[in-house]
């Protein structure tokens, strides 16, 4: 079962979800702005992606650019907790295949095809 951390207002997120559905896959859809992943989940996803937590940060977002409380980017636990409190800062979309221990960021949306 795949899970997509989805923002319905984001074109890349909508395209990624559409790609999954066109492949006859109905993922669990988590609207992460309404239901942010926990800090532990963010750390787990970064590990699946073989990325640093800071690599999941949308640095162009106002919430990041204007943050006065952004922790040190090398403090992965603190940064993940901050991202949980500020879900707009999280890269999107992210598709996770927990069963097989894999994940992909849908930028571009075709990246998620590696999970199929």
C-alpha atoms as a PDB file:
ATOM      1  CA  UNK A   1       0.000   0.000   0.000  1.00  0.00           C
ATOM      2  CA  UNK A   2       1.279   3.431  -0.953  1.00  0.00           C
ATOM      3  CA  UNK A   3       0.716   6.638   0.972  1.00  0.00           C
ATOM      4  CA  UNK A   4       0.858  10.034  -0.678  1.00  0.00           C
ATOM      5  CA  UNK A   5       1.480  13.149   1.373  1.00  0.00           C
ATOM      6  CA  UNK A   6      -0.710  15.366  -0.746  1.00  0.00           C
ATOM      7  CA  UNK A   7      -1.672  18.995  -1.144  1.00  0.00           C
ATOM      8  CA  UNK A   8      -4.700  19.223  -3.451  1.00  0.00           C
ATOM      9  CA  UNK A   9      -3.756  22.821  -4.346  1.00  0.00           C
ATOM     10  CA  UNK A  10      -0.356  21.747  -5.706  1.00  0.00           C
ATOM     11  CA  UNK A  11      -0.242  20.791  -9.398  1.00  0.00           C
ATOM     12  CA  UNK A  12       2.679  18.362  -8.909  1.00  0.00           C
ATOM     13  CA  UNK A  13       0.801  16.672  -6.092  1.00  0.00           C
ATOM     14  CA  UNK A  14      -2.363  16.355  -8.189  1.00  0.00           C
ATOM     15  CA  UNK A  15      -0.338  15.018 -11.127  1.00  0.00           C
ATOM     16  CA  UNK A  16       1.372  12.451  -8.898  1.00  0.00           C
ATOM     17  CA  UNK A  17      -1.939  11.259  -7.476  1.00  0.00           C
ATOM     18  CA  UNK A  18      -3.350  11.038 -10.996  1.00  0.00           C
ATOM     19  CA  UNK A  19      -0.338   8.955 -12.132  1.00  0.00           C
ATOM     20  CA  UNK A  20      -0.934   6.503  -9.294  1.00  0.00           C
ATOM     21  CA  UNK A  21      -4.627   6.208 -10.078  1.00  0.00           C
ATOM     22  CA  UNK A  22      -3.935   5.742 -13.797  1.00  0.00           C
ATOM     23  CA  UNK A  23      -1.699   2.844 -12.731  1.00  0.00           C
ATOM     24  CA  UNK A  24      -4.693   1.310 -10.890  1.00  0.00           C
ATOM     25  CA  UNK A  25      -3.265   2.204  -7.496  1.00  0.00           C
ATOM     26  CA  UNK A  26      -5.479   3.893  -4.937  1.00  0.00           C
ATOM     27  CA  UNK A  27      -3.056   5.181  -2.327  1.00  0.00           C
ATOM     28  CA  UNK A  28      -3.821   6.316   1.167  1.00  0.00           C
ATOM     29  CA  UNK A  29      -4.092  10.073   0.750  1.00  0.00           C
ATOM     30  CA  UNK A  30      -2.825  12.190   3.630  1.00  0.00           C
ATOM     31  CA  UNK A  31      -3.536  15.885   3.232  1.00  0.00           C
ATOM     32  CA  UNK A  32      -0.453  16.813   5.197  1.00  0.00           C
ATOM     33  CA  UNK A  33      -1.487  20.432   5.757  1.00  0.00           C
ATOM     34  CA  UNK A  34      -4.495  19.130   7.709  1.00  0.00           C
ATOM     35  CA  UNK A  35      -2.783  16.082   9.182  1.00  0.00           C
ATOM     36  CA  UNK A  36       0.963  16.705   9.315  1.00  0.00           C
ATOM     37  CA  UNK A  37       3.253  13.713   9.633  1.00  0.00           C
ATOM     38  CA  UNK A  38       4.872  13.338  13.029  1.00  0.00           C
ATOM     39  CA  UNK A  39       8.486  14.321  13.532  1.00  0.00           C
ATOM     40  CA  UNK A  40       9.362  10.620  13.769  1.00  0.00           C
ATOM     41  CA  UNK A  41       7.583   9.993  10.481  1.00  0.00           C
ATOM     42  CA  UNK A  42       9.479  12.835   8.806  1.00  0.00           C
ATOM     43  CA  UNK A  43      12.757  11.346  10.055  1.00  0.00           C
ATOM     44  CA  UNK A  44      11.661   7.926   8.744  1.00  0.00           C
ATOM     45  CA  UNK A  45      10.715   9.340   5.336  1.00  0.00           C
ATOM     46  CA  UNK A  46      14.053  11.149   5.053  1.00  0.00           C
ATOM     47  CA  UNK A  47      15.755   7.830   5.779  1.00  0.00           C
ATOM     48  CA  UNK A  48      13.722   6.023   3.118  1.00  0.00           C
ATOM     49  CA  UNK A  49      14.682   8.718   0.635  1.00  0.00           C
ATOM     50  CA  UNK A  50      18.326   8.595   1.763  1.00  0.00           C
ATOM     51  CA  UNK A  51      18.169  12.356   2.310  1.00  0.00           C
ATOM     52  CA  UNK A  52      18.896  14.713   5.153  1.00  0.00           C
ATOM     53  CA  UNK A  53      15.784  16.148   6.808  1.00  0.00           C
ATOM     54  CA  UNK A  54      16.859  19.571   5.511  1.00  0.00           C
ATOM     55  CA  UNK A  55      16.494  18.209   1.965  1.00  0.00           C
ATOM     56  CA  UNK A  56      12.743  17.885   2.612  1.00  0.00           C
ATOM     57  CA  UNK A  57      12.508  21.581   3.419  1.00  0.00           C
ATOM     58  CA  UNK A  58      10.815  23.849   0.876  1.00  0.00           C
ATOM     59  CA  UNK A  59      13.242  26.723   1.303  1.00  0.00           C
ATOM     60  CA  UNK A  60      11.280  29.030  -0.994  1.00  0.00           C
ATOM     61  CA  UNK A  61       8.166  28.959   1.187  1.00  0.00           C
ATOM     62  CA  UNK A  62       7.467  32.089   3.226  1.00  0.00           C
ATOM     63  CA  UNK A  63       7.102  29.979   6.371  1.00  0.00           C
ATOM     64  CA  UNK A  64      10.750  28.982   5.940  1.00  0.00           C
ATOM     65  CA  UNK A  65      12.145  32.257   4.599  1.00  0.00           C
ATOM     66  CA  UNK A  66      10.512  34.273   7.386  1.00  0.00           C
ATOM     67  CA  UNK A  67      11.059  31.794  10.218  1.00  0.00           C
ATOM     68  CA  UNK A  68      12.649  33.196  13.327  1.00  0.00           C
ATOM     69  CA  UNK A  69      12.576  29.855  15.116  1.00  0.00           C
ATOM     70  CA  UNK A  70      14.043  27.571  12.435  1.00  0.00           C
ATOM     71  CA  UNK A  71      16.441  25.166  14.160  1.00  0.00           C
ATOM     72  CA  UNK A  72      19.922  24.320  12.958  1.00  0.00           C
ATOM     73  CA  UNK A  73      19.503  22.362   9.732  1.00  0.00           C
ATOM     74  CA  UNK A  74      21.931  19.733  11.032  1.00  0.00           C
ATOM     75  CA  UNK A  75      19.729  19.057  14.078  1.00  0.00           C
ATOM     76  CA  UNK A  76      17.525  16.516  12.331  1.00  0.00           C
ATOM     77  CA  UNK A  77      15.202  15.793  15.254  1.00  0.00           C
ATOM     78  CA  UNK A  78      14.605  19.472  15.987  1.00  0.00           C
ATOM     79  CA  UNK A  79      14.104  20.273  12.306  1.00  0.00           C
ATOM     80  CA  UNK A  80      11.642  17.399  11.877  1.00  0.00           C
ATOM     81  CA  UNK A  81       9.678  18.639  14.899  1.00  0.00           C
ATOM     82  CA  UNK A  82       9.673  22.161  13.439  1.00  0.00           C
ATOM     83  CA  UNK A  83       8.436  20.800  10.097  1.00  0.00           C
ATOM     84  CA  UNK A  84       5.637  18.942  11.872  1.00  0.00           C
ATOM     85  CA  UNK A  85       4.537  22.271  13.399  1.00  0.00           C
ATOM     86  CA  UNK A  86       4.994  24.034  10.027  1.00  0.00           C
ATOM     87  CA  UNK A  87       3.758  21.515   7.441  1.00  0.00           C
ATOM     88  CA  UNK A  88       3.847  24.046   4.579  1.00  0.00           C
ATOM     89  CA  UNK A  89       7.616  23.708   4.822  1.00  0.00           C
ATOM     90  CA  UNK A  90       7.524  20.034   3.776  1.00  0.00           C
ATOM     91  CA  UNK A  91       8.464  19.025   0.241  1.00  0.00           C
ATOM     92  CA  UNK A  92       5.522  17.745  -1.755  1.00  0.00           C
ATOM     93  CA  UNK A  93       4.276  15.385  -2.825  1.00  0.00           C
ATOM     94  CA  UNK A  94       5.966  12.480  -1.144  1.00  0.00           C
ATOM     95  CA  UNK A  95       4.855   8.942  -1.890  1.00  0.00           C
ATOM     96  CA  UNK A  96       5.827   6.264   0.611  1.00  0.00           C
ATOM     97  CA  UNK A  97       5.831   2.490   0.152  1.00  0.00           C
ATOM     98  CA  UNK A  98       6.239   1.330   3.743  1.00  0.00           C
ATOM     99  CA  UNK A  99       5.814  -2.322   2.821  1.00  0.00           C
ATOM    100  CA  UNK A 100       8.954  -2.242   0.680  1.00  0.00           C
ATOM    101  CA  UNK A 101      10.798   0.497   2.570  1.00  0.00           C
ATOM    102  CA  UNK A 102      10.903   3.002  -0.271  1.00  0.00           C
ATOM    103  CA  UNK A 103       9.749   6.528  -1.001  1.00  0.00           C
ATOM    104  CA  UNK A 104       9.891   9.128  -3.761  1.00  0.00           C
ATOM    105  CA  UNK A 105       9.351  12.856  -4.035  1.00  0.00           C
ATOM    106  CA  UNK A 106       7.015  13.654  -6.922  1.00  0.00           C
ATOM    107  CA  UNK A 107       9.089  16.490  -8.372  1.00  0.00           C
ATOM    108  CA  UNK A 108       8.741  15.756 -11.201  1.00  0.00           C
ATOM    109  CA  UNK A 109       5.693  13.522 -10.790  1.00  0.00           C
ATOM    110  CA  UNK A 110       7.334  10.796 -12.885  1.00  0.00           C
ATOM    111  CA  UNK A 111       9.740  10.171  -9.994  1.00  0.00           C
ATOM    112  CA  UNK A 112       7.017   8.197  -8.240  1.00  0.00           C
ATOM    113  CA  UNK A 113       6.942   5.643 -11.058  1.00  0.00           C
ATOM    114  CA  UNK A 114      10.044   4.079  -9.501  1.00  0.00           C
ATOM    115  CA  UNK A 115       7.746   2.799  -6.734  1.00  0.00           C
ATOM    116  CA  UNK A 116       5.414   0.944  -9.115  1.00  0.00           C
END
